[in-house]
Amino acid sequence: MKYNNILIIDGSGRKNGYTKKLIEFFESNVECENVVRFEAYKEKLEFCDGCNFCEENEHCKYNDLDLFFKEFENADLIVFASPVYNGTFSAPLKALIDRFQPYYTYFYKHNKKQKIEKTRKAILIASSGRAGEKPLAFMEEQLKFAFSILNIEFVGSALCNFTDTNANVKKAETEIIGILERMDLQ
């Protein structure tokens, strides 16, 4: 598969944090001309309030993410990048995932037909102050659940753990390189 468009969904608020460093490492090692980064902390995201507007209209009542959703639907590869906060994604990234609700309602309203016909792939890059393996597994499961109606295949994850004491950056970089090699992106 050719990856013409990569969307990096950056869920980190720290300018020089480990998640940003891993994103930069990914970008410097990937061969793709069109890489777009969406920085969730810089956006003023509305939260999904469960109003059911999308059930009748097939889109959200808020238009704050219209450009994002165009990039999201166009992407061949989507990179979710987040520090681990309380065992899961950062708040803006979780809020963004919640806003996928119009895709869910479309899927179930149209007899489980994918709204996005194009098959895409996704990876997860995370950083954790402690060990982080259990939260990473939980985050992977959350994404896989969301991906089940988004026509996205989960490819793998990379974790930089122990960032509070002795960050294991090399381990995460090795995992990123392994994912890129498996996907023929290097």
N, C-alpha and C. Protein backbone atom coordinates (compact mmCIF):
# COMPACT_ATOMS: atom_id res chain seq x y z
N MET A 1 0.85 -1.19 0.00
CA MET A 1 0.00 0.00 0.00
C MET A 1 0.88 1.24 0.00
N LYS A 2 0.52 2.20 -0.79
CA LYS A 2 1.24 3.48 -0.85
C LYS A 2 0.61 4.44 0.14
N TYR A 3 1.46 5.11 0.89
CA TYR A 3 1.01 6.07 1.88
C TYR A 3 1.30 7.47 1.36
N ASN A 4 0.32 8.09 0.75
CA ASN A 4 0.50 9.43 0.21
C ASN A 4 0.21 10.52 1.25
N ASN A 5 -0.64 10.19 2.20
CA ASN A 5 -1.07 11.17 3.19
C ASN A 5 -1.00 10.58 4.58
N ILE A 6 -0.22 11.22 5.44
CA ILE A 6 -0.11 10.80 6.82
C ILE A 6 -0.65 11.92 7.70
N LEU A 7 -1.52 11.55 8.62
CA LEU A 7 -2.07 12.49 9.59
C LEU A 7 -1.55 12.11 10.97
N ILE A 8 -0.86 13.04 11.61
CA ILE A 8 -0.39 12.83 12.98
C ILE A 8 -1.31 13.61 13.90
N ILE A 9 -1.96 12.89 14.79
CA ILE A 9 -2.84 13.51 15.77
C ILE A 9 -2.05 13.61 17.07
N ASP A 10 -1.62 14.81 17.36
CA ASP A 10 -0.73 15.09 18.48
C ASP A 10 -1.53 15.46 19.72
N GLY A 11 -1.51 14.60 20.71
CA GLY A 11 -2.26 14.83 21.93
C GLY A 11 -1.43 15.34 23.09
N SER A 12 -0.25 15.90 22.78
CA SER A 12 0.63 16.39 23.83
C SER A 12 0.61 17.91 23.90
N GLY A 13 0.60 18.44 25.11
CA GLY A 13 0.63 19.88 25.30
C GLY A 13 2.03 20.43 25.57
N ARG A 14 2.98 19.55 25.84
CA ARG A 14 4.33 19.98 26.16
C ARG A 14 5.16 20.18 24.89
N LYS A 15 5.74 21.37 24.76
CA LYS A 15 6.54 21.67 23.56
C LYS A 15 7.74 20.77 23.42
N ASN A 16 8.40 20.45 24.51
CA ASN A 16 9.62 19.64 24.47
C ASN A 16 9.45 18.32 25.20
N GLY A 17 8.22 17.83 25.30
CA GLY A 17 7.96 16.58 25.99
C GLY A 17 8.36 15.37 25.16
N TYR A 18 8.30 14.22 25.77
CA TYR A 18 8.72 12.99 25.11
C TYR A 18 7.80 12.62 23.94
N THR A 19 6.53 12.88 24.07
CA THR A 19 5.62 12.58 22.96
C THR A 19 5.99 13.40 21.73
N LYS A 20 6.26 14.70 21.92
CA LYS A 20 6.68 15.55 20.79
C LYS A 20 7.98 15.03 20.18
N LYS A 21 8.92 14.62 21.03
CA LYS A 21 10.20 14.10 20.53
C LYS A 21 9.99 12.85 19.69
N LEU A 22 9.08 12.00 20.12
CA LEU A 22 8.78 10.78 19.35
C LEU A 22 8.09 11.10 18.03
N ILE A 23 7.22 12.09 18.05
CA ILE A 23 6.58 12.53 16.80
C ILE A 23 7.65 13.03 15.83
N GLU A 24 8.56 13.85 16.33
CA GLU A 24 9.64 14.37 15.48
C GLU A 24 10.53 13.24 14.96
N PHE A 25 10.80 12.25 15.80
CA PHE A 25 11.57 11.09 15.36
C PHE A 25 10.83 10.36 14.25
N PHE A 26 9.54 10.14 14.43
CA PHE A 26 8.73 9.49 13.41
C PHE A 26 8.81 10.27 12.10
N GLU A 27 8.58 11.58 12.17
CA GLU A 27 8.58 12.41 10.96
C GLU A 27 9.94 12.38 10.25
N SER A 28 11.01 12.35 11.01
CA SER A 28 12.34 12.36 10.39
C SER A 28 12.72 11.02 9.78
N ASN A 29 11.96 9.98 10.09
CA ASN A 29 12.28 8.64 9.58
C ASN A 29 11.25 8.09 8.61
N VAL A 30 10.25 8.87 8.29
CA VAL A 30 9.21 8.39 7.38
C VAL A 30 9.41 9.01 6.00
N GLU A 31 9.13 8.23 4.99
CA GLU A 31 9.21 8.74 3.62
C GLU A 31 7.79 8.97 3.10
N CYS A 32 7.37 10.21 3.17
CA CYS A 32 6.05 10.60 2.70
C CYS A 32 6.07 12.10 2.47
N GLU A 33 5.54 12.53 1.34
CA GLU A 33 5.56 13.96 1.01
C GLU A 33 4.52 14.77 1.76
N ASN A 34 3.38 14.18 2.07
CA ASN A 34 2.31 14.95 2.70
C ASN A 34 2.05 14.43 4.12
N VAL A 35 2.69 15.07 5.09
CA VAL A 35 2.49 14.74 6.48
C VAL A 35 1.85 15.96 7.15
N VAL A 36 0.67 15.76 7.72
CA VAL A 36 -0.07 16.83 8.38
C VAL A 36 -0.12 16.51 9.87
N ARG A 37 0.14 17.53 10.69
CA ARG A 37 0.05 17.35 12.14
C ARG A 37 -1.12 18.16 12.68
N PHE A 38 -1.99 17.48 13.41
CA PHE A 38 -3.11 18.12 14.09
C PHE A 38 -2.77 18.15 15.57
N GLU A 39 -2.61 19.35 16.13
CA GLU A 39 -2.23 19.50 17.53
C GLU A 39 -3.48 19.76 18.37
N ALA A 40 -3.95 18.72 19.01
CA ALA A 40 -5.23 18.77 19.72
C ALA A 40 -5.25 19.82 20.83
N TYR A 41 -4.14 20.04 21.52
CA TYR A 41 -4.12 21.04 22.60
C TYR A 41 -4.29 22.46 22.09
N LYS A 42 -3.93 22.71 20.85
CA LYS A 42 -4.03 24.07 20.30
C LYS A 42 -5.42 24.37 19.76
N GLU A 43 -6.23 23.36 19.61
CA GLU A 43 -7.58 23.54 19.07
C GLU A 43 -8.56 23.81 20.20
N LYS A 44 -9.60 24.51 19.89
CA LYS A 44 -10.69 24.74 20.84
C LYS A 44 -11.80 23.76 20.51
N LEU A 45 -11.61 22.51 20.93
CA LEU A 45 -12.56 21.46 20.60
C LEU A 45 -13.83 21.57 21.43
N GLU A 46 -14.93 21.45 20.76
CA GLU A 46 -16.19 21.27 21.47
C GLU A 46 -16.24 19.81 21.89
N PHE A 47 -16.88 19.53 23.00
CA PHE A 47 -17.03 18.17 23.45
C PHE A 47 -18.31 17.57 22.89
N CYS A 48 -18.29 16.28 22.61
CA CYS A 48 -19.53 15.60 22.23
C CYS A 48 -20.45 15.63 23.44
N ASP A 49 -21.66 16.13 23.23
CA ASP A 49 -22.60 16.22 24.34
C ASP A 49 -23.77 15.23 24.20
N GLY A 50 -23.63 14.30 23.26
CA GLY A 50 -24.65 13.26 23.10
C GLY A 50 -26.00 13.77 22.65
N CYS A 51 -26.02 14.84 21.89
CA CYS A 51 -27.29 15.48 21.49
C CYS A 51 -28.05 14.72 20.41
N ASN A 52 -27.39 13.77 19.73
CA ASN A 52 -27.98 12.97 18.66
C ASN A 52 -28.23 13.74 17.36
N PHE A 53 -27.70 14.95 17.24
CA PHE A 53 -27.82 15.72 16.00
C PHE A 53 -27.28 14.90 14.83
N CYS A 54 -26.17 14.21 15.05
CA CYS A 54 -25.53 13.46 13.97
C CYS A 54 -26.38 12.28 13.48
N GLU A 55 -27.29 11.80 14.30
CA GLU A 55 -28.13 10.70 13.87
C GLU A 55 -29.03 11.08 12.70
N GLU A 56 -29.51 12.31 12.70
CA GLU A 56 -30.39 12.77 11.63
C GLU A 56 -29.65 13.49 10.51
N ASN A 57 -28.48 14.03 10.79
CA ASN A 57 -27.78 14.88 9.83
C ASN A 57 -26.48 14.31 9.29
N GLU A 58 -26.02 13.19 9.86
CA GLU A 58 -24.79 12.52 9.43
C GLU A 58 -23.54 13.37 9.56
N HIS A 59 -23.61 14.40 10.36
CA HIS A 59 -22.44 15.20 10.71
C HIS A 59 -22.74 15.86 12.06
N CYS A 60 -21.70 16.39 12.66
CA CYS A 60 -21.84 17.00 13.98
C CYS A 60 -22.46 18.39 13.88
N LYS A 61 -23.14 18.81 14.93
CA LYS A 61 -23.71 20.16 14.95
C LYS A 61 -22.62 21.22 15.05
N TYR A 62 -21.46 20.83 15.54
CA TYR A 62 -20.32 21.75 15.61
C TYR A 62 -19.49 21.63 14.35
N ASN A 63 -18.97 22.72 13.86
CA ASN A 63 -18.15 22.68 12.65
C ASN A 63 -16.67 22.95 12.93
N ASP A 64 -16.28 22.93 14.19
CA ASP A 64 -14.90 23.23 14.57
C ASP A 64 -13.89 22.21 14.05
N LEU A 65 -14.33 21.01 13.71
CA LEU A 65 -13.43 19.97 13.24
C LEU A 65 -13.63 19.60 11.78
N ASP A 66 -14.35 20.41 11.04
CA ASP A 66 -14.61 20.08 9.64
C ASP A 66 -13.33 19.87 8.84
N LEU A 67 -12.34 20.75 8.98
CA LEU A 67 -11.07 20.59 8.26
C LEU A 67 -10.32 19.35 8.73
N PHE A 68 -10.35 19.12 10.03
CA PHE A 68 -9.70 17.92 10.57
C PHE A 68 -10.31 16.67 9.95
N PHE A 69 -11.64 16.60 9.91
CA PHE A 69 -12.28 15.40 9.39
C PHE A 69 -11.96 15.17 7.91
N LYS A 70 -11.76 16.22 7.14
CA LYS A 70 -11.33 16.05 5.74
C LYS A 70 -9.95 15.41 5.69
N GLU A 71 -9.03 15.88 6.52
CA GLU A 71 -7.69 15.29 6.60
C GLU A 71 -7.78 13.85 7.10
N PHE A 72 -8.61 13.62 8.09
CA PHE A 72 -8.79 12.30 8.68
C PHE A 72 -9.29 11.30 7.64
N GLU A 73 -10.27 11.71 6.87
CA GLU A 73 -10.83 10.82 5.85
C GLU A 73 -9.87 10.60 4.68
N ASN A 74 -9.03 11.57 4.41
CA ASN A 74 -8.08 11.49 3.29
C ASN A 74 -6.81 10.73 3.64
N ALA A 75 -6.50 10.60 4.91
CA ALA A 75 -5.23 10.00 5.34
C ALA A 75 -5.15 8.52 4.98
N ASP A 76 -3.94 8.11 4.61
CA ASP A 76 -3.65 6.69 4.39
C ASP A 76 -3.16 6.04 5.69
N LEU A 77 -2.46 6.86 6.48
CA LEU A 77 -1.92 6.42 7.76
C LEU A 77 -2.22 7.49 8.80
N ILE A 78 -2.73 7.07 9.95
CA ILE A 78 -3.04 7.99 11.03
C ILE A 78 -2.20 7.60 12.24
N VAL A 79 -1.48 8.58 12.77
CA VAL A 79 -0.64 8.36 13.94
C VAL A 79 -1.30 9.06 15.12
N PHE A 80 -1.70 8.29 16.12
CA PHE A 80 -2.22 8.85 17.35
C PHE A 80 -1.04 8.93 18.31
N ALA A 81 -0.74 10.12 18.82
CA ALA A 81 0.39 10.31 19.74
C ALA A 81 -0.11 10.99 21.01
N SER A 82 0.19 10.37 22.16
CA SER A 82 -0.33 10.92 23.41
C SER A 82 0.54 10.53 24.59
N PRO A 83 0.69 11.45 25.52
CA PRO A 83 1.22 11.03 26.81
C PRO A 83 0.13 10.24 27.54
N VAL A 84 0.53 9.40 28.46
CA VAL A 84 -0.42 8.65 29.26
C VAL A 84 -0.80 9.49 30.47
N TYR A 85 -2.08 9.82 30.59
CA TYR A 85 -2.60 10.57 31.73
C TYR A 85 -3.66 9.71 32.41
N ASN A 86 -3.44 9.38 33.65
CA ASN A 86 -4.39 8.56 34.42
C ASN A 86 -4.78 7.29 33.67
N GLY A 87 -3.81 6.67 33.04
CA GLY A 87 -4.02 5.38 32.40
C GLY A 87 -4.65 5.42 31.03
N THR A 88 -4.73 6.59 30.42
CA THR A 88 -5.35 6.68 29.09
C THR A 88 -4.82 7.90 28.33
N PHE A 89 -5.52 8.28 27.28
CA PHE A 89 -5.14 9.40 26.44
C PHE A 89 -5.23 10.73 27.18
N SER A 90 -4.53 11.73 26.67
CA SER A 90 -4.70 13.08 27.18
C SER A 90 -6.14 13.54 26.90
N ALA A 91 -6.60 14.50 27.68
CA ALA A 91 -8.01 14.96 27.57
C ALA A 91 -8.39 15.42 26.17
N PRO A 92 -7.58 16.26 25.48
CA PRO A 92 -8.01 16.69 24.15
C PRO A 92 -8.08 15.55 23.14
N LEU A 93 -7.19 14.57 23.28
CA LEU A 93 -7.23 13.44 22.35
C LEU A 93 -8.45 12.57 22.61
N LYS A 94 -8.77 12.36 23.87
CA LYS A 94 -9.99 11.61 24.21
C LYS A 94 -11.22 12.35 23.71
N ALA A 95 -11.24 13.67 23.87
CA ALA A 95 -12.37 14.46 23.38
C ALA A 95 -12.50 14.34 21.86
N LEU A 96 -11.38 14.31 21.17
CA LEU A 96 -11.39 14.17 19.71
C LEU A 96 -11.95 12.81 19.32
N ILE A 97 -11.52 11.76 19.99
CA ILE A 97 -12.03 10.42 19.70
C ILE A 97 -13.54 10.36 19.94
N ASP A 98 -14.01 11.02 20.99
CA ASP A 98 -15.46 11.07 21.25
C ASP A 98 -16.21 11.74 20.10
N ARG A 99 -15.58 12.65 19.43
CA ARG A 99 -16.22 13.38 18.32
C ARG A 99 -16.34 12.53 17.05
N PHE A 100 -15.87 11.30 17.08
CA PHE A 100 -16.08 10.39 15.94
C PHE A 100 -17.51 9.88 15.90
N GLN A 101 -18.35 10.34 16.80
CA GLN A 101 -19.73 9.85 16.93
C GLN A 101 -20.52 9.88 15.61
N PRO A 102 -20.37 10.89 14.74
CA PRO A 102 -21.12 10.83 13.47
C PRO A 102 -20.78 9.61 12.62
N TYR A 103 -19.53 9.12 12.72
CA TYR A 103 -19.17 7.91 11.98
C TYR A 103 -19.87 6.69 12.56
N TYR A 104 -20.01 6.64 13.89
CA TYR A 104 -20.71 5.53 14.53
C TYR A 104 -22.18 5.51 14.13
N THR A 105 -22.81 6.68 14.22
CA THR A 105 -24.24 6.71 13.90
C THR A 105 -24.47 6.37 12.43
N TYR A 106 -23.60 6.82 11.55
CA TYR A 106 -23.72 6.48 10.13
C TYR A 106 -23.61 4.97 9.95
N PHE A 107 -22.61 4.36 10.60
CA PHE A 107 -22.35 2.93 10.48
C PHE A 107 -23.58 2.11 10.87
N TYR A 108 -24.18 2.43 11.99
CA TYR A 108 -25.32 1.65 12.47
C TYR A 108 -26.63 2.03 11.77
N LYS A 109 -26.75 3.26 11.35
CA LYS A 109 -27.96 3.70 10.65
C LYS A 109 -28.02 3.12 9.23
N HIS A 110 -26.85 2.84 8.66
CA HIS A 110 -26.78 2.34 7.28
C HIS A 110 -26.34 0.88 7.22
N ASN A 111 -26.91 0.08 8.11
CA ASN A 111 -26.68 -1.37 8.11
C ASN A 111 -25.20 -1.74 8.12
N LYS A 112 -24.45 -1.10 8.98
CA LYS A 112 -23.04 -1.37 9.20
C LYS A 112 -22.18 -1.12 7.96
N LYS A 113 -22.55 -0.12 7.21
CA LYS A 113 -21.76 0.30 6.05
C LYS A 113 -20.79 1.38 6.51
N GLN A 114 -19.54 1.26 6.10
CA GLN A 114 -18.52 2.24 6.46
C GLN A 114 -18.79 3.57 5.76
N LYS A 115 -18.76 4.66 6.50
CA LYS A 115 -18.89 5.98 5.89
C LYS A 115 -17.64 6.30 5.07
N ILE A 116 -16.49 5.89 5.59
CA ILE A 116 -15.22 6.09 4.89
C ILE A 116 -14.87 4.76 4.23
N GLU A 117 -14.98 4.70 2.94
CA GLU A 117 -14.76 3.44 2.23
C GLU A 117 -13.29 3.08 2.12
N LYS A 118 -12.46 4.08 2.10
CA LYS A 118 -11.01 3.88 1.97
C LYS A 118 -10.46 3.20 3.23
N THR A 119 -9.74 2.11 3.07
CA THR A 119 -9.10 1.44 4.19
C THR A 119 -7.82 2.18 4.54
N ARG A 120 -7.66 2.46 5.83
CA ARG A 120 -6.48 3.17 6.31
C ARG A 120 -5.80 2.36 7.39
N LYS A 121 -4.62 2.77 7.77
CA LYS A 121 -3.87 2.12 8.85
C LYS A 121 -3.59 3.15 9.92
N ALA A 122 -3.33 2.66 11.14
CA ALA A 122 -3.04 3.57 12.25
C ALA A 122 -2.02 2.96 13.19
N ILE A 123 -1.26 3.84 13.82
CA ILE A 123 -0.34 3.44 14.87
C ILE A 123 -0.54 4.35 16.07
N LEU A 124 -0.03 3.91 17.20
CA LEU A 124 -0.10 4.67 18.45
C LEU A 124 1.30 4.89 18.96
N ILE A 125 1.62 6.13 19.29
CA ILE A 125 2.88 6.48 19.93
C ILE A 125 2.51 7.09 21.28
N ALA A 126 3.11 6.57 22.36
CA ALA A 126 2.77 7.06 23.69
C ALA A 126 4.02 7.23 24.55
N SER A 127 3.88 8.08 25.54
CA SER A 127 4.94 8.24 26.55
C SER A 127 4.28 8.15 27.92
N SER A 128 5.01 7.54 28.85
CA SER A 128 4.44 7.29 30.18
C SER A 128 5.48 7.56 31.25
N GLY A 129 5.06 8.21 32.32
CA GLY A 129 5.95 8.50 33.43
C GLY A 129 6.45 7.25 34.13
N ARG A 130 5.66 6.20 34.10
CA ARG A 130 6.02 4.94 34.74
C ARG A 130 6.14 3.86 33.67
N ALA A 131 5.92 2.61 34.07
CA ALA A 131 6.09 1.49 33.15
C ALA A 131 5.23 1.66 31.89
N GLY A 132 3.93 1.84 32.07
CA GLY A 132 3.05 2.20 30.96
C GLY A 132 2.51 1.09 30.09
N GLU A 133 2.92 -0.15 30.30
CA GLU A 133 2.45 -1.23 29.42
C GLU A 133 0.95 -1.48 29.55
N LYS A 134 0.42 -1.47 30.78
CA LYS A 134 -1.02 -1.69 30.96
C LYS A 134 -1.84 -0.55 30.37
N PRO A 135 -1.48 0.71 30.65
CA PRO A 135 -2.24 1.80 30.01
C PRO A 135 -2.13 1.75 28.48
N LEU A 136 -0.96 1.40 27.96
CA LEU A 136 -0.80 1.30 26.50
C LEU A 136 -1.75 0.26 25.93
N ALA A 137 -1.84 -0.90 26.59
CA ALA A 137 -2.75 -1.94 26.12
C ALA A 137 -4.20 -1.45 26.16
N PHE A 138 -4.55 -0.71 27.21
CA PHE A 138 -5.90 -0.16 27.32
C PHE A 138 -6.16 0.85 26.19
N MET A 139 -5.18 1.72 25.93
CA MET A 139 -5.32 2.72 24.85
C MET A 139 -5.45 2.02 23.49
N GLU A 140 -4.67 0.97 23.28
CA GLU A 140 -4.77 0.20 22.03
C GLU A 140 -6.18 -0.37 21.87
N GLU A 141 -6.74 -0.91 22.94
CA GLU A 141 -8.10 -1.47 22.87
C GLU A 141 -9.13 -0.39 22.57
N GLN A 142 -8.97 0.79 23.17
CA GLN A 142 -9.89 1.90 22.88
C GLN A 142 -9.84 2.24 21.38
N LEU A 143 -8.63 2.33 20.84
CA LEU A 143 -8.50 2.66 19.42
C LEU A 143 -9.08 1.56 18.54
N LYS A 144 -8.77 0.33 18.85
CA LYS A 144 -9.29 -0.79 18.05
C LYS A 144 -10.82 -0.79 18.04
N PHE A 145 -11.41 -0.47 19.17
CA PHE A 145 -12.88 -0.39 19.24
C PHE A 145 -13.37 0.72 18.31
N ALA A 146 -12.74 1.89 18.37
CA ALA A 146 -13.13 3.00 17.50
C ALA A 146 -12.89 2.65 16.03
N PHE A 147 -11.78 1.98 15.77
CA PHE A 147 -11.42 1.65 14.39
C PHE A 147 -12.37 0.66 13.76
N SER A 148 -13.09 -0.10 14.56
CA SER A 148 -13.97 -1.14 14.01
C SER A 148 -15.04 -0.56 13.10
N ILE A 149 -15.37 0.72 13.24
CA ILE A 149 -16.36 1.33 12.36
C ILE A 149 -15.76 2.46 11.53
N LEU A 150 -14.44 2.59 11.57
CA LEU A 150 -13.77 3.68 10.83
C LEU A 150 -12.93 3.17 9.67
N ASN A 151 -13.02 1.87 9.39
CA ASN A 151 -12.27 1.27 8.30
C ASN A 151 -10.76 1.52 8.46
N ILE A 152 -10.29 1.33 9.69
CA ILE A 152 -8.88 1.52 10.01
C ILE A 152 -8.33 0.24 10.61
N GLU A 153 -7.15 -0.14 10.16
CA GLU A 153 -6.45 -1.30 10.70
C GLU A 153 -5.36 -0.80 11.64
N PHE A 154 -5.34 -1.30 12.87
CA PHE A 154 -4.30 -0.95 13.83
C PHE A 154 -3.05 -1.76 13.51
N VAL A 155 -1.92 -1.08 13.34
CA VAL A 155 -0.68 -1.73 12.92
C VAL A 155 0.26 -2.00 14.09
N GLY A 156 0.34 -1.09 15.04
CA GLY A 156 1.25 -1.30 16.16
C GLY A 156 1.43 -0.04 16.98
N SER A 157 2.22 -0.18 18.05
CA SER A 157 2.43 0.95 18.94
C SER A 157 3.88 1.02 19.40
N ALA A 158 4.24 2.19 19.87
CA ALA A 158 5.56 2.44 20.44
C ALA A 158 5.37 3.17 21.75
N LEU A 159 6.12 2.78 22.77
CA LEU A 159 5.99 3.37 24.09
C LEU A 159 7.34 3.82 24.63
N CYS A 160 7.42 5.07 25.00
CA CYS A 160 8.57 5.59 25.74
C CYS A 160 8.13 5.62 27.20
N ASN A 161 8.66 4.71 28.00
CA ASN A 161 8.21 4.66 29.39
C ASN A 161 9.27 5.20 30.34
N PHE A 162 8.89 5.31 31.60
CA PHE A 162 9.74 5.82 32.69
C PHE A 162 10.25 7.24 32.42
N THR A 163 9.40 8.08 31.85
CA THR A 163 9.82 9.45 31.55
C THR A 163 9.99 10.29 32.81
N ASP A 164 9.43 9.86 33.93
CA ASP A 164 9.59 10.60 35.18
C ASP A 164 10.96 10.37 35.81
N THR A 165 11.62 9.26 35.46
CA THR A 165 12.88 8.93 36.11
C THR A 165 14.03 8.69 35.13
N ASN A 166 13.84 7.76 34.21
CA ASN A 166 14.91 7.38 33.28
C ASN A 166 14.28 6.96 31.95
N ALA A 167 13.90 7.94 31.15
CA ALA A 167 13.13 7.68 29.92
C ALA A 167 13.82 6.67 29.01
N ASN A 168 13.01 5.74 28.53
CA ASN A 168 13.50 4.70 27.64
C ASN A 168 13.21 5.10 26.19
N VAL A 169 13.86 6.17 25.74
CA VAL A 169 13.62 6.73 24.41
C VAL A 169 14.07 5.76 23.32
N LYS A 170 15.22 5.12 23.51
CA LYS A 170 15.76 4.20 22.48
C LYS A 170 14.79 3.07 22.20
N LYS A 171 14.15 2.54 23.25
CA LYS A 171 13.17 1.46 23.08
C LYS A 171 12.04 1.93 22.17
N ALA A 172 11.51 3.11 22.43
CA ALA A 172 10.41 3.65 21.63
C ALA A 172 10.86 3.91 20.19
N GLU A 173 12.04 4.47 20.02
CA GLU A 173 12.55 4.72 18.67
C GLU A 173 12.73 3.42 17.90
N THR A 174 13.22 2.39 18.56
CA THR A 174 13.37 1.08 17.92
C THR A 174 12.01 0.53 17.50
N GLU A 175 11.00 0.70 18.36
CA GLU A 175 9.65 0.24 18.02
C GLU A 175 9.09 1.02 16.83
N ILE A 176 9.33 2.31 16.79
CA ILE A 176 8.86 3.12 15.65
C ILE A 176 9.53 2.66 14.37
N ILE A 177 10.85 2.45 14.40
CA ILE A 177 11.57 1.98 13.21
C ILE A 177 11.02 0.63 12.76
N GLY A 178 10.73 -0.26 13.71
CA GLY A 178 10.17 -1.57 13.37
C GLY A 178 8.83 -1.44 12.67
N ILE A 179 7.98 -0.55 13.15
CA ILE A 179 6.68 -0.33 12.53
C ILE A 179 6.87 0.23 11.12
N LEU A 180 7.75 1.20 10.96
CA LEU A 180 7.99 1.80 9.64
C LEU A 180 8.54 0.77 8.66
N GLU A 181 9.42 -0.09 9.11
CA GLU A 181 9.96 -1.14 8.23
C GLU A 181 8.88 -2.12 7.82
N ARG A 182 8.04 -2.53 8.77
CA ARG A 182 6.94 -3.46 8.45
C ARG A 182 5.97 -2.84 7.44
N MET A 183 5.81 -1.53 7.51
CA MET A 183 4.87 -0.85 6.63
C MET A 183 5.52 -0.34 5.36
N ASP A 184 6.80 -0.61 5.21
CA ASP A 184 7.55 -0.14 4.02
C ASP A 184 7.56 1.38 3.90
N LEU A 185 7.74 2.07 5.02
CA LEU A 185 7.74 3.52 5.03
C LEU A 185 9.12 4.12 5.23
N GLN A 186 10.13 3.27 5.19
CA GLN A 186 11.47 3.79 5.41
C GLN A 186 12.38 3.55 4.25
